[in-house]
Amino acid sequence: MGTVVDGNSARTNSGKENRQWIYAKKPSGKLYNYRQWVGYSLLLFLFAAPFIKINGNPFLMFNIIERKFSIFGSVFYPQDLHIFVFGMLIMMVGIVLFTAVYGRVWCGWTCPQTIFMELIFRRIEYLIEGDWIQQRKLNEGPDSDARAWKKVLKHTIFLVISFFISNIFLAYIIGVDALLKIMTDPVDQHVIGFASIIVFTLAFYGVFAYVREIVCTTLCPYGRLQGVLLDEKSLTVAYDVDRGEPRGKLKKNDTEHGDCIDCKLCIHVCPTGIDIRNGTQLECVNCTACIDACDTVMDKIGKPKRLIGFYSMDDLSEEGKAGKKNNTRTIAYSAILVVLIVVFGFLLFSRSEIDGRLLRATGSSYQLREDGMVSNLYTLELLNKSGKDIKFDIESVDERVSVQMVNNIHDLKKEGSAKLSFFLLMDKGEIAQYKQNVKVNIVSDGKVMETLKTTFIAPPSKK
């Protein structure tokens, strides 16, 4: 069984189609430092968010099993489906607009797959096995005790981290309280929970120990859509062909070659194993490692930076280099993104904490009373979405209409519901038409939590 080395990659030949294993050189540079700040900040948020509670509710929870979601401490139920539908539409439109303007920056800077792989798992690999050359020599070299111990240590740490990530992932689904019960109660009481943790642990371990960049280059649907979403105005990591070509080794007083000295560092640091000089490629995740590597070389040979940089195809055209750039599209798309986010935020924070369904009592009509009042009977179903116990009252918006409770219920438990009945009363002399619209408020602590509309029927008074 032989080995073929190409750039920073190695392919093992065994007579069948084989995977090309990527050995990425340890990156460094200004953009990499920025990416670490962004990545580790997001990791801190990711690990902390399930444990943060607002008014007793998780800061973030997506309980698909119980169809209960908590976003910024506000609990959402199936009754809030319209908000989620709008949120999904915003996310889809946002992805399209963001990618069309800023390229695949999400993938390289904020995607959990990239952050975990590049800032945690690959750094552990560098620490235990060395940089890319040492890793390749270790894998291609003979079996030895040192090699075995390094592999055991690395994969043990990978499994421990994957176990930790799986618990965090489960905390987002079922909540921290339910997760703590799984961890502290006997195993036989939470068989499914323990099985889920094991499955997630093995899945994460498989992704970060073996699958790796294949997630970005093959499995991720967003990556596959990149070619459709990008156009000549999209910002992406690109190589300035006019400035860099033709390539050639560095020579004194060389006027025949471009700035690229063909050092191949941009290939060695690439986590997906591509040559950015071949143009925009599906496998590029815009991690900017090649920009840092190239800038370092340009500094050493006294050439301007950004031979590789964030460019659109227009930027690299003759018009773009002449300074004739049109930013209207970028500004317009960014403005649309901001508007969509603001609208979604308004829907989230203006949502009522009580969901109510008010109906006329089935089969009932109006009732004429001896005191000259006319009554209509209604049924009301209330759902508490506030995440806390609530005391409430029902009040009529119209001063001519009064409320008379049938069952004296004024308490809603946390995440609880209540079904009650009441009469709306109106003086017969005040009734001008057979059917008229009326409103009632659900009031708690002097604050109107929800306003519900219905109809009041009665024969009009004869004046």
Protein backbone atom coordinates (compact mmCIF):
# COMPACT_ATOMS: atom_id res chain seq x y z
CA MET A 1 0.00 0.00 0.00
CA GLY A 2 1.67 3.22 -1.19
CA THR A 3 1.17 6.86 -0.36
CA VAL A 4 0.83 9.78 -2.74
CA VAL A 5 1.61 13.24 -1.38
CA ASP A 6 0.13 16.30 -3.05
CA GLY A 7 0.64 19.72 -1.44
CA ASN A 8 -0.59 19.39 2.13
CA SER A 9 -2.64 16.28 1.46
CA ALA A 10 -2.00 12.56 1.37
CA ARG A 11 -3.98 9.88 -0.41
CA THR A 12 -3.69 6.23 0.51
CA ASN A 13 -4.04 3.88 -2.47
CA SER A 14 -5.56 0.46 -1.94
CA GLY A 15 -7.06 -0.30 -5.34
CA LYS A 16 -10.33 1.47 -4.58
CA GLU A 17 -11.48 5.05 -4.55
CA ASN A 18 -9.99 6.55 -1.38
CA ARG A 19 -10.41 9.70 0.59
CA GLN A 20 -7.75 12.41 0.35
CA TRP A 21 -6.71 13.18 3.91
CA ILE A 22 -6.01 16.84 4.66
CA TYR A 23 -2.97 17.86 6.66
CA ALA A 24 -3.43 21.57 7.30
CA LYS A 25 -0.48 23.70 8.40
CA LYS A 26 -1.07 25.52 11.68
CA PRO A 27 -2.38 28.99 10.73
CA SER A 28 -1.26 32.31 12.18
CA GLY A 29 -1.71 35.98 11.44
CA LYS A 30 -3.90 38.99 12.13
CA LEU A 31 -7.10 37.57 10.61
CA TYR A 32 -6.58 34.28 12.43
CA ASN A 33 -6.31 36.18 15.71
CA TYR A 34 -9.55 38.00 14.92
CA ARG A 35 -11.17 34.69 14.05
CA GLN A 36 -10.08 33.27 17.40
CA TRP A 37 -11.69 36.18 19.24
CA VAL A 38 -14.92 35.66 17.33
CA GLY A 39 -14.84 31.87 17.62
CA TYR A 40 -14.04 31.60 21.32
CA SER A 41 -16.62 34.29 22.14
CA LEU A 42 -19.26 32.28 20.29
CA LEU A 43 -18.14 29.11 22.06
CA LEU A 44 -18.49 30.83 25.42
CA PHE A 45 -21.98 31.92 24.45
CA LEU A 46 -22.85 28.45 23.14
CA PHE A 47 -21.79 26.75 26.37
CA ALA A 48 -23.37 29.35 28.66
CA ALA A 49 -26.70 30.00 26.95
CA PRO A 50 -28.55 26.85 28.16
CA PHE A 51 -27.65 27.68 31.77
CA ILE A 52 -28.83 31.31 31.63
CA LYS A 53 -32.41 31.83 32.76
CA ILE A 54 -34.69 34.85 32.45
CA ASN A 55 -37.76 34.84 34.70
CA GLY A 56 -37.14 31.16 35.31
CA ASN A 57 -37.05 30.29 31.60
CA PRO A 58 -33.98 29.17 29.62
CA PHE A 59 -32.33 31.90 27.58
CA LEU A 60 -32.36 29.50 24.60
CA MET A 61 -34.14 26.15 24.33
CA PHE A 62 -35.53 24.32 21.30
CA ASN A 63 -37.59 21.47 22.73
CA ILE A 64 -38.87 19.84 19.56
CA ILE A 65 -40.17 16.84 21.50
CA GLU A 66 -42.60 18.87 23.63
CA ARG A 67 -43.02 21.54 20.94
CA LYS A 68 -41.85 24.21 23.35
CA PHE A 69 -39.22 26.80 22.54
CA SER A 70 -37.59 29.47 24.67
CA ILE A 71 -35.92 32.42 22.97
CA PHE A 72 -34.39 35.18 25.11
CA GLY A 73 -36.44 33.87 28.05
CA SER A 74 -39.80 34.01 26.23
CA VAL A 75 -41.52 30.64 25.87
CA PHE A 76 -43.17 29.80 22.55
CA TYR A 77 -45.78 27.13 21.91
CA PRO A 78 -47.49 25.71 18.79
CA GLN A 79 -49.94 28.64 19.02
CA ASP A 80 -47.02 30.89 18.04
CA LEU A 81 -46.48 29.04 14.77
CA HIS A 82 -46.91 32.23 12.72
CA ILE A 83 -43.87 33.77 14.44
CA PHE A 84 -41.73 30.75 13.63
CA VAL A 85 -42.93 30.66 10.03
CA PHE A 86 -42.00 34.31 9.65
CA GLY A 87 -38.72 33.66 11.43
CA MET A 88 -37.88 30.81 9.03
CA LEU A 89 -38.69 33.03 6.06
CA ILE A 90 -36.46 35.76 7.47
CA MET A 91 -33.66 33.24 8.00
CA MET A 92 -33.94 31.91 4.45
CA VAL A 93 -34.03 35.38 2.91
CA GLY A 94 -31.24 36.48 5.23
CA ILE A 95 -29.02 33.57 4.16
CA VAL A 96 -29.55 34.38 0.51
CA LEU A 97 -28.91 38.11 0.94
CA PHE A 98 -25.97 37.67 3.31
CA THR A 99 -24.27 35.17 1.03
CA ALA A 100 -24.96 37.25 -2.07
CA VAL A 101 -23.20 40.22 -0.46
CA TYR A 102 -20.60 38.78 1.91
CA GLY A 103 -19.96 35.34 0.43
CA ARG A 104 -19.28 32.38 2.70
CA VAL A 105 -18.01 34.34 5.71
CA TRP A 106 -20.48 32.49 7.94
CA CYS A 107 -18.75 29.19 7.16
CA GLY A 108 -15.26 30.33 8.00
CA TRP A 109 -15.94 32.56 11.00
CA THR A 110 -19.14 31.57 12.84
CA CYS A 111 -20.24 28.08 11.76
CA PRO A 112 -20.06 25.67 14.75
CA GLN A 113 -18.49 22.99 12.55
CA THR A 114 -15.58 25.26 11.61
CA ILE A 115 -15.15 26.71 15.10
CA PHE A 116 -15.05 23.31 16.81
CA MET A 117 -12.82 21.79 14.14
CA GLU A 118 -10.29 24.60 13.73
CA LEU A 119 -10.23 26.15 17.20
CA ILE A 120 -10.55 23.04 19.37
CA PHE A 121 -9.98 19.66 17.73
CA ARG A 122 -7.28 20.64 15.26
CA ARG A 123 -5.43 22.67 17.91
CA ILE A 124 -5.39 19.59 20.16
CA GLU A 125 -4.00 17.66 17.21
CA TYR A 126 -1.24 20.24 16.74
CA LEU A 127 -0.42 20.05 20.46
CA ILE A 128 -0.15 16.24 20.54
CA GLU A 129 1.05 15.29 17.06
CA GLY A 130 2.79 18.47 15.90
CA ASP A 131 2.29 20.57 12.77
CA TRP A 132 1.18 19.18 9.41
CA ILE A 133 4.55 17.68 8.43
CA GLN A 134 4.95 15.91 11.78
CA GLN A 135 1.38 14.61 11.56
CA ARG A 136 1.93 13.18 8.10
CA LYS A 137 5.22 11.56 9.10
CA LEU A 138 3.53 10.07 12.17
CA ASN A 139 0.68 8.59 10.13
CA GLU A 140 2.92 7.32 7.34
CA GLY A 141 5.67 6.07 9.64
CA PRO A 142 6.03 2.67 11.26
CA ASP A 143 3.99 1.57 14.25
CA SER A 144 5.61 2.44 17.56
CA ASP A 145 4.71 2.89 21.20
CA ALA A 146 5.06 6.68 20.90
CA ARG A 147 2.69 6.74 17.95
CA ALA A 148 0.19 4.52 19.75
CA TRP A 149 0.23 6.66 22.89
CA LYS A 150 -0.26 9.84 20.89
CA LYS A 151 -3.21 8.34 19.03
CA VAL A 152 -4.81 7.00 22.21
CA LEU A 153 -4.35 10.34 23.99
CA LYS A 154 -5.73 12.35 21.06
CA HIS A 155 -8.80 10.21 20.49
CA THR A 156 -9.52 9.96 24.21
CA ILE A 157 -9.55 13.76 24.44
CA PHE A 158 -11.69 13.90 21.29
CA LEU A 159 -14.22 11.54 22.90
CA VAL A 160 -14.30 13.54 26.15
CA ILE A 161 -14.89 16.81 24.29
CA SER A 162 -17.53 15.15 22.09
CA PHE A 163 -19.27 13.90 25.24
CA PHE A 164 -19.27 17.43 26.64
CA ILE A 165 -20.62 18.88 23.37
CA SER A 166 -23.35 16.23 23.24
CA ASN A 167 -24.55 17.23 26.72
CA ILE A 168 -24.61 20.89 25.73
CA PHE A 169 -26.49 19.99 22.54
CA LEU A 170 -29.04 18.00 24.55
CA ALA A 171 -29.41 20.89 27.01
CA TYR A 172 -30.63 23.05 24.11
CA ILE A 173 -33.28 20.43 23.30
CA ILE A 174 -34.66 19.31 26.66
CA GLY A 175 -33.38 22.05 28.97
CA VAL A 176 -30.70 22.05 31.67
CA ASP A 177 -33.06 20.88 34.42
CA ALA A 178 -34.07 17.76 32.49
CA LEU A 179 -30.42 17.12 31.59
CA LEU A 180 -29.38 17.30 35.26
CA LYS A 181 -32.03 14.70 36.10
CA ILE A 182 -30.58 12.38 33.47
CA MET A 183 -27.13 12.87 34.98
CA THR A 184 -28.17 12.40 38.63
CA ASP A 185 -31.03 9.88 38.51
CA PRO A 186 -30.50 6.13 38.09
CA VAL A 187 -29.78 5.06 34.52
CA ASP A 188 -32.91 2.91 34.23
CA GLN A 189 -35.11 6.00 34.73
CA HIS A 190 -33.68 7.80 31.68
CA VAL A 191 -32.67 5.08 29.24
CA ILE A 192 -33.60 7.16 26.18
CA GLY A 193 -31.75 10.17 27.57
CA PHE A 194 -28.55 8.21 28.16
CA ALA A 195 -28.85 6.58 24.75
CA SER A 196 -29.21 10.02 23.17
CA ILE A 197 -26.05 11.25 24.88
CA ILE A 198 -24.10 8.23 23.65
CA VAL A 199 -25.41 8.59 20.09
CA PHE A 200 -24.63 12.32 19.99
CA THR A 201 -21.17 11.71 21.47
CA LEU A 202 -20.30 9.15 18.81
CA ALA A 203 -21.75 11.37 16.08
CA PHE A 204 -19.70 14.40 17.13
CA TYR A 205 -16.60 12.25 17.56
CA GLY A 206 -17.06 10.79 14.07
CA VAL A 207 -17.50 14.23 12.54
CA PHE A 208 -14.46 15.85 14.15
CA ALA A 209 -12.13 12.85 14.20
CA TYR A 210 -12.81 11.54 10.70
CA VAL A 211 -15.47 13.25 8.56
CA ARG A 212 -14.06 16.76 9.14
CA GLU A 213 -13.98 18.97 6.03
CA ILE A 214 -16.34 16.62 4.16
CA VAL A 215 -19.15 18.23 6.17
CA CYS A 216 -18.32 21.59 4.54
CA THR A 217 -17.45 20.37 1.06
CA THR A 218 -20.06 17.65 0.54
CA LEU A 219 -22.68 17.27 3.25
CA CYS A 220 -23.66 20.87 4.10
CA PRO A 221 -26.52 22.09 1.86
CA TYR A 222 -25.48 25.71 2.39
CA GLY A 223 -22.07 24.94 0.89
CA ARG A 224 -23.71 23.29 -2.10
CA LEU A 225 -25.86 26.39 -2.68
CA GLN A 226 -22.87 28.73 -2.68
CA GLY A 227 -22.38 28.51 -6.44
CA VAL A 228 -25.98 29.58 -7.01
CA LEU A 229 -25.99 32.43 -4.49
CA LEU A 230 -22.68 34.08 -5.42
CA ASP A 231 -22.26 36.46 -8.34
CA GLU A 232 -19.65 38.90 -9.61
CA LYS A 233 -20.45 41.40 -6.84
CA SER A 234 -20.22 38.97 -3.90
CA LEU A 235 -17.28 39.39 -1.54
CA THR A 236 -15.26 36.22 -1.20
CA VAL A 237 -11.68 35.11 -0.58
CA ALA A 238 -9.99 35.44 -3.97
CA TYR A 239 -6.57 35.57 -5.61
CA ASP A 240 -5.60 38.62 -7.66
CA VAL A 241 -4.62 36.84 -10.86
CA ASP A 242 -3.45 39.95 -12.73
CA ARG A 243 -1.07 40.88 -9.97
CA GLY A 244 0.16 37.39 -9.12
CA GLU A 245 0.65 35.79 -12.53
CA PRO A 246 2.78 34.49 -14.03
CA ARG A 247 4.14 32.76 -10.96
CA GLY A 248 7.82 32.27 -10.45
CA LYS A 249 10.53 31.84 -7.86
CA LEU A 250 11.80 35.01 -6.24
CA LYS A 251 14.66 36.51 -8.19
CA LYS A 252 16.46 39.83 -7.92
CA ASN A 253 15.29 42.46 -10.42
CA ASP A 254 12.75 40.00 -11.89
CA THR A 255 10.27 41.82 -14.15
CA GLU A 256 8.89 38.81 -15.99
CA HIS A 257 6.89 37.27 -13.14
CA GLY A 258 4.07 38.44 -10.93
CA ASP A 259 4.10 38.79 -7.16
CA CYS A 260 3.22 35.12 -6.48
CA ILE A 261 6.46 33.22 -5.79
CA ASP A 262 4.64 29.84 -5.81
CA CYS A 263 5.56 29.03 -2.20
CA LYS A 264 2.31 27.02 -1.84
CA LEU A 265 1.75 28.22 1.73
CA CYS A 266 -1.81 29.16 0.77
CA ILE A 267 -2.39 25.48 -0.05
CA HIS A 268 -0.64 24.13 3.05
CA VAL A 269 -2.79 26.16 5.50
CA CYS A 270 -6.11 25.46 3.74
CA PRO A 271 -8.34 23.22 5.93
CA THR A 272 -10.15 21.89 2.83
CA GLY A 273 -6.99 21.33 0.77
CA ILE A 274 -7.69 23.61 -2.21
CA ASP A 275 -5.51 25.98 -4.18
CA ILE A 276 -7.20 29.38 -3.97
CA ARG A 277 -5.20 30.49 -7.01
CA ASN A 278 -7.40 28.29 -9.19
CA GLY A 279 -10.34 30.63 -8.66
CA THR A 280 -13.53 30.59 -6.57
CA GLN A 281 -14.26 27.02 -5.50
CA LEU A 282 -17.10 25.26 -3.73
CA GLU A 283 -14.72 23.89 -1.10
CA CYS A 284 -13.52 27.33 0.05
CA VAL A 285 -15.08 28.24 3.42
CA ASN A 286 -13.58 31.75 3.56
CA CYS A 287 -11.55 30.96 6.69
CA THR A 288 -8.89 33.53 5.57
CA ALA A 289 -5.96 31.26 6.53
CA CYS A 290 -4.56 31.68 3.02
CA ILE A 291 -4.77 35.48 3.32
CA ASP A 292 -2.66 35.46 6.49
CA ALA A 293 -0.13 33.05 4.96
CA CYS A 294 0.22 35.08 1.76
CA ASP A 295 0.45 38.41 3.63
CA THR A 296 3.32 37.00 5.71
CA VAL A 297 5.22 36.08 2.53
CA MET A 298 4.49 39.44 0.89
CA ASP A 299 5.88 41.18 3.99
CA LYS A 300 9.08 39.16 3.80
CA ILE A 301 9.72 39.86 0.13
CA GLY A 302 8.72 43.54 0.32
CA LYS A 303 5.54 43.29 -1.76
CA PRO A 304 2.12 44.83 -0.98
CA LYS A 305 -0.26 42.66 1.06
CA ARG A 306 -3.56 41.21 -0.08
CA LEU A 307 -2.41 39.30 -3.12
CA ILE A 308 -5.10 37.05 -1.67
CA GLY A 309 -7.89 38.94 0.04
CA PHE A 310 -11.60 39.63 0.27
CA TYR A 311 -12.58 40.64 -3.25
CA SER A 312 -15.55 40.47 -5.56
CA MET A 313 -15.04 39.60 -9.18
CA ASP A 314 -15.87 43.23 -9.98
CA ASP A 315 -13.07 44.36 -7.64
CA LEU A 316 -10.58 42.34 -9.67
CA SER A 317 -11.89 43.60 -13.01
CA GLU A 318 -10.35 46.57 -14.83
CA GLU A 319 -13.23 48.84 -13.79
CA GLY A 320 -12.95 47.79 -10.15
CA LYS A 321 -9.21 48.38 -10.05
CA ALA A 322 -9.80 51.78 -11.60
CA GLY A 323 -11.94 52.66 -8.58
CA LYS A 324 -15.31 52.47 -10.33
CA LYS A 325 -17.17 50.51 -7.66
CA ASN A 326 -20.92 50.50 -7.07
CA ASN A 327 -21.90 49.79 -3.46
CA THR A 328 -25.63 50.35 -3.97
CA ARG A 329 -26.39 46.63 -3.99
CA THR A 330 -24.44 45.97 -0.80
CA ILE A 331 -26.15 48.84 1.01
CA ALA A 332 -29.61 47.84 -0.22
CA TYR A 333 -29.24 44.16 0.73
CA SER A 334 -27.79 45.07 4.12
CA ALA A 335 -30.71 47.44 4.76
CA ILE A 336 -33.20 44.70 3.89
CA LEU A 337 -31.44 42.34 6.30
CA VAL A 338 -31.66 44.92 9.09
CA VAL A 339 -35.37 45.53 8.42
CA LEU A 340 -36.12 41.78 8.49
CA ILE A 341 -34.25 41.36 11.78
CA VAL A 342 -36.05 44.35 13.32
CA VAL A 343 -39.47 43.01 12.26
CA PHE A 344 -38.69 39.58 13.67
CA GLY A 345 -37.44 41.14 16.91
CA PHE A 346 -40.68 43.12 17.17
CA LEU A 347 -42.73 39.95 16.74
CA LEU A 348 -40.68 38.21 19.43
CA PHE A 349 -40.89 40.91 22.05
CA SER A 350 -44.45 42.12 21.35
CA ARG A 351 -45.92 38.64 21.70
CA SER A 352 -48.59 38.31 24.37
CA GLU A 353 -47.73 36.28 27.46
CA ILE A 354 -51.24 34.87 27.54
CA ASP A 355 -52.88 33.15 24.60
CA GLY A 356 -56.68 33.24 24.63
CA ARG A 357 -59.49 31.73 22.61
CA LEU A 358 -62.90 33.32 23.18
CA LEU A 359 -66.05 31.70 21.78
CA ARG A 360 -69.76 32.05 22.27
CA ALA A 361 -71.15 29.13 24.25
CA THR A 362 -72.30 26.39 21.87
CA GLY A 363 -76.05 26.37 21.26
CA SER A 364 -76.73 29.45 23.39
CA SER A 365 -78.44 32.69 22.45
CA TYR A 366 -79.11 35.86 24.38
CA GLN A 367 -81.03 35.87 27.67
CA LEU A 368 -83.43 38.59 28.78
CA ARG A 369 -83.28 39.20 32.54
CA GLU A 370 -85.92 40.59 34.85
CA ASP A 371 -83.72 43.56 35.76
CA GLY A 372 -83.68 44.76 32.11
CA MET A 373 -80.24 43.41 31.33
CA VAL A 374 -79.40 41.18 28.35
CA SER A 375 -76.72 38.48 28.78
CA ASN A 376 -74.62 36.38 26.42
CA LEU A 377 -72.68 33.31 27.62
CA TYR A 378 -69.07 32.74 26.49
CA THR A 379 -66.34 30.16 27.00
CA LEU A 380 -62.70 31.20 27.29
CA GLU A 381 -59.56 29.07 27.03
CA LEU A 382 -56.35 30.63 28.33
CA LEU A 383 -52.74 29.43 28.02
CA ASN A 384 -49.97 30.86 30.18
CA LYS A 385 -46.86 31.49 28.06
CA SER A 386 -45.10 33.83 30.50
CA GLY A 387 -43.08 31.17 32.31
CA LYS A 388 -44.46 32.19 35.72
CA ASP A 389 -47.69 31.99 37.74
CA ILE A 390 -50.19 34.71 36.81
CA LYS A 391 -53.25 36.17 38.51
CA PHE A 392 -55.72 37.68 36.04
CA ASP A 393 -59.10 39.35 35.70
CA ILE A 394 -61.46 39.74 32.77
CA GLU A 395 -62.64 43.27 32.01
CA SER A 396 -64.83 44.69 29.28
CA VAL A 397 -63.38 47.41 27.06
CA ASP A 398 -66.88 48.95 26.52
CA GLU A 399 -68.15 50.66 29.69
CA ARG A 400 -71.75 49.70 28.75
CA VAL A 401 -70.83 46.01 29.02
CA SER A 402 -70.12 44.26 32.33
CA VAL A 403 -68.64 40.85 33.10
CA GLN A 404 -70.16 38.20 35.34
CA MET A 405 -68.06 35.11 36.00
CA VAL A 406 -69.62 31.64 36.06
CA ASN A 407 -66.61 29.79 37.49
CA ASN A 408 -64.45 32.03 39.59
CA ILE A 409 -61.01 31.25 38.17
CA HIS A 410 -58.34 33.94 38.44
CA ASP A 411 -55.08 31.96 38.52
CA LEU A 412 -52.93 30.56 35.72
CA LYS A 413 -50.10 28.26 36.71
CA LYS A 414 -46.73 28.41 34.96
CA GLU A 415 -47.15 26.85 31.51
CA GLY A 416 -50.70 25.98 32.58
CA SER A 417 -54.09 26.49 30.97
CA ALA A 418 -57.59 27.26 32.16
CA LYS A 419 -61.08 26.93 30.72
CA LEU A 420 -63.76 29.18 32.12
CA SER A 421 -67.19 30.62 31.35
CA PHE A 422 -68.66 34.08 31.92
CA PHE A 423 -71.58 36.30 30.93
CA LEU A 424 -71.39 39.66 29.21
CA LEU A 425 -74.22 41.91 30.33
CA MET A 426 -75.69 44.99 28.64
CA ASP A 427 -78.68 47.16 29.48
CA LYS A 428 -81.47 46.46 26.99
CA GLY A 429 -81.94 50.20 26.48
CA GLU A 430 -78.33 50.56 25.27
CA ILE A 431 -78.70 48.00 22.48
CA ALA A 432 -79.03 49.60 19.05
CA GLN A 433 -78.55 46.58 16.75
CA TYR A 434 -78.97 42.83 16.84
CA LYS A 435 -75.26 41.99 16.51
CA GLN A 436 -72.39 44.16 17.63
CA ASN A 437 -68.68 43.69 18.24
CA VAL A 438 -67.36 43.75 21.80
CA LYS A 439 -63.87 43.40 23.31
CA VAL A 440 -62.63 42.02 26.62
CA ASN A 441 -59.22 42.47 28.20
CA ILE A 442 -57.25 39.88 30.13
CA VAL A 443 -55.62 42.00 32.84
CA SER A 444 -52.81 41.06 35.23
CA ASP A 445 -51.26 43.45 37.78
CA GLY A 446 -53.00 46.36 36.08
CA LYS A 447 -51.48 45.47 32.68
CA VAL A 448 -53.52 44.37 29.69
CA MET A 449 -52.04 41.01 28.68
CA GLU A 450 -54.40 40.21 25.80
CA THR A 451 -57.44 41.75 24.11
CA LEU A 452 -60.04 39.39 22.65
CA LYS A 453 -62.88 40.19 20.27
CA THR A 454 -66.31 38.58 20.03
CA THR A 455 -69.91 39.47 19.15
CA PHE A 456 -72.84 40.34 21.39
CA ILE A 457 -76.33 39.57 20.15
CA ALA A 458 -79.66 40.90 21.41
CA PRO A 459 -82.81 42.43 19.94
CA PRO A 460 -82.39 46.22 19.52
CA SER A 461 -84.41 48.39 21.90
CA LYS A 462 -87.47 50.16 20.50
CA LYS A 463 -87.23 53.88 21.07
